Amino acid sequence: MTPVVKIRDGTAADRDFVIATAQRFAAFGPPPWRSADEVVAGEVRYLNDFFDGHLKGPLLLVATTASEEPIGFALLEPVVDYFSGEPHAHLGMIAVTEAAEGTGASTALMRAAEHRARAQGFTKITLNVFERNARARRLYEKLGFAVEIVRYVKPLT
């Protein structure tokens, strides 16, 4: 039986859980020129800005078990499309606890983010994913996402 996953809006009380769960980004395949510490530090810096009220617009969604235990989060941000100039939603972060992998928590968060984006009047949603994060890429493609731009980087050492 698949466990029940509930989605709710995040609050300031979720800060420690979200930041602890964001530590998992280190395991999701950063390229060789980015250390896992750099990736996590960047995400944690952004989350601290969010929780400290320095960012206007992002929406935090938290996935919980039926007993209200947090098991994942997603951060949905309003952004402007580079090409069209139109506003759209961007899924800036999504992560679940290791124990929640394979439970449907990520899918529930993705569907909730899409629902919220539509409710806010956005006509598309974007996200970024590390090339080597095959598990996440499969999920995103299963949910109807497609590659638009491939970003190349050359470190100048």
Protein backbone atom coordinates (compact mmCIF):
# COMPACT_ATOMS: atom_id res chain seq x y z
CA MET A 1 0.00 0.00 0.00
CA THR A 2 1.32 3.43 -0.94
CA PRO A 3 1.64 5.76 2.05
CA VAL A 4 -0.52 8.86 2.17
CA VAL A 5 1.38 12.03 1.27
CA LYS A 6 -0.15 15.35 2.25
CA ILE A 7 1.01 18.73 0.94
CA ARG A 8 0.74 21.94 2.92
CA ASP A 9 2.16 25.44 2.76
CA GLY A 10 5.47 25.74 4.55
CA THR A 11 5.97 27.98 7.56
CA ALA A 12 8.87 29.44 9.51
CA ALA A 13 8.66 26.36 11.75
CA ASP A 14 9.82 24.25 8.77
CA ARG A 15 13.17 26.04 8.50
CA ASP A 16 15.33 23.42 10.23
CA PHE A 17 13.68 20.54 8.33
CA VAL A 18 14.00 22.28 4.96
CA ILE A 19 17.63 23.26 5.47
CA ALA A 20 18.52 19.77 6.71
CA THR A 21 16.77 18.19 3.72
CA ALA A 22 18.53 20.60 1.34
CA GLN A 23 21.81 18.98 2.42
CA ARG A 24 20.75 16.10 0.17
CA PHE A 25 21.44 18.21 -2.93
CA ALA A 26 25.10 17.20 -2.50
CA ALA A 27 24.19 13.67 -3.61
CA PHE A 28 22.31 14.62 -6.77
CA GLY A 29 25.20 14.70 -9.24
CA PRO A 30 26.84 18.13 -9.35
CA PRO A 31 29.40 18.39 -12.16
CA PRO A 32 33.10 17.97 -11.34
CA TRP A 33 33.77 21.71 -11.24
CA ARG A 34 31.19 22.27 -8.49
CA SER A 35 31.83 20.76 -5.13
CA ALA A 36 28.94 19.28 -3.21
CA ASP A 37 29.69 21.80 -0.45
CA GLU A 38 29.35 24.69 -2.93
CA VAL A 39 25.99 23.42 -4.16
CA VAL A 40 24.61 22.92 -0.67
CA ALA A 41 25.97 26.27 0.55
CA GLY A 42 24.27 28.08 -2.34
CA GLU A 43 20.94 26.41 -1.72
CA VAL A 44 21.14 26.98 2.04
CA ARG A 45 22.05 30.65 1.48
CA TYR A 46 18.96 31.06 -0.69
CA LEU A 47 16.76 29.26 1.83
CA ASN A 48 18.05 31.46 4.64
CA ASP A 49 17.20 34.53 2.55
CA PHE A 50 13.73 33.09 2.03
CA PHE A 51 13.12 32.31 5.70
CA ASP A 52 14.58 35.67 6.77
CA GLY A 53 12.01 37.44 4.58
CA HIS A 54 14.50 38.87 2.06
CA LEU A 55 12.75 37.29 -0.93
CA LYS A 56 9.31 38.24 -2.13
CA GLY A 57 7.31 35.76 -4.11
CA PRO A 58 8.65 32.24 -3.48
CA LEU A 59 6.18 29.73 -2.09
CA LEU A 60 7.26 26.84 0.12
CA LEU A 61 5.35 23.58 -0.10
CA VAL A 62 5.98 20.79 2.42
CA ALA A 63 5.13 17.13 1.95
CA THR A 64 4.16 15.23 5.10
CA THR A 65 3.06 11.78 6.09
CA ALA A 66 -0.51 11.24 7.21
CA SER A 67 0.75 11.87 10.76
CA GLU A 68 2.13 15.29 9.73
CA GLU A 69 5.82 14.27 9.75
CA PRO A 70 7.64 16.35 7.08
CA ILE A 71 9.23 14.23 4.36
CA GLY A 72 10.00 16.72 1.58
CA PHE A 73 9.71 20.25 0.29
CA ALA A 74 9.49 22.29 -2.89
CA LEU A 75 10.19 25.98 -3.43
CA LEU A 76 8.16 27.57 -6.21
CA GLU A 77 9.32 30.96 -7.49
CA PRO A 78 7.87 33.55 -9.86
CA VAL A 79 10.34 34.39 -12.64
CA VAL A 80 10.30 36.08 -16.04
CA ASP A 81 10.95 34.11 -19.23
CA TYR A 82 14.13 35.33 -20.91
CA PHE A 83 12.76 34.94 -24.43
CA SER A 84 9.15 36.07 -24.12
CA GLY A 85 9.33 38.37 -21.10
CA GLU A 86 6.27 36.56 -19.72
CA PRO A 87 6.08 35.64 -16.04
CA HIS A 88 6.09 31.95 -15.20
CA ALA A 89 6.65 29.64 -12.25
CA HIS A 90 10.05 28.10 -11.56
CA LEU A 91 10.55 25.14 -9.28
CA GLY A 92 13.77 26.34 -7.68
CA MET A 93 14.21 23.38 -5.31
CA ILE A 94 12.61 20.07 -4.58
CA ALA A 95 13.92 17.40 -2.23
CA VAL A 96 12.60 14.58 -0.10
CA THR A 97 14.19 12.72 2.75
CA GLU A 98 16.01 9.52 1.92
CA ALA A 99 13.28 7.55 3.69
CA ALA A 100 10.65 9.19 1.47
CA GLU A 101 12.28 8.22 -1.82
CA GLY A 102 9.95 6.06 -3.88
CA THR A 103 6.87 6.87 -1.77
CA GLY A 104 5.29 9.31 -4.22
CA ALA A 105 6.29 12.36 -2.17
CA SER A 106 8.23 13.94 -5.05
CA THR A 107 5.36 13.38 -7.46
CA ALA A 108 2.90 14.85 -4.95
CA LEU A 109 5.12 17.92 -4.51
CA MET A 110 5.46 18.33 -8.29
CA ARG A 111 1.71 18.09 -8.82
CA ALA A 112 1.04 20.53 -5.97
CA ALA A 113 3.57 22.99 -7.41
CA GLU A 114 1.92 22.73 -10.82
CA HIS A 115 -1.52 23.25 -9.28
CA ARG A 116 -0.33 26.33 -7.37
CA ALA A 117 1.36 27.74 -10.47
CA ARG A 118 -1.87 27.40 -12.45
CA ALA A 119 -3.86 28.97 -9.60
CA GLN A 120 -1.51 31.97 -9.72
CA GLY A 121 -2.21 32.37 -13.43
CA PHE A 122 1.11 31.06 -14.75
CA THR A 123 1.01 29.25 -18.09
CA LYS A 124 4.22 27.27 -17.65
CA ILE A 125 6.57 25.94 -15.03
CA THR A 126 10.32 25.41 -15.36
CA LEU A 127 13.02 23.74 -13.31
CA ASN A 128 16.73 22.97 -13.44
CA VAL A 129 18.31 19.60 -12.75
CA PHE A 130 21.89 18.36 -12.76
CA GLU A 131 22.61 16.28 -15.86
CA ARG A 132 23.68 13.26 -13.80
CA ASN A 133 20.51 13.21 -11.67
CA ALA A 134 18.90 10.50 -13.78
CA ARG A 135 16.22 9.55 -11.25
CA ALA A 136 14.86 13.10 -11.05
CA ARG A 137 15.07 13.56 -14.82
CA ARG A 138 12.97 10.42 -15.36
CA LEU A 139 10.34 11.73 -12.95
CA TYR A 140 10.23 15.15 -14.61
CA GLU A 141 9.87 13.63 -18.07
CA LYS A 142 7.16 11.26 -16.80
CA LEU A 143 5.28 14.34 -15.53
CA GLY A 144 5.46 16.05 -18.94
CA PHE A 145 8.58 18.21 -18.65
CA ALA A 146 10.92 18.41 -21.66
CA VAL A 147 14.44 19.74 -22.11
CA GLU A 148 14.49 23.28 -23.48
CA ILE A 149 18.06 24.52 -23.03
CA VAL A 150 21.26 22.64 -22.33
CA ARG A 151 23.71 24.84 -20.46
CA TYR A 152 27.43 24.35 -21.10
CA VAL A 153 30.09 25.48 -18.64
CA LYS A 154 33.84 25.72 -19.04
CA PRO A 155 35.75 26.47 -15.84
CA LEU A 156 38.53 28.95 -16.48
CA THR A 157 41.25 27.79 -14.10
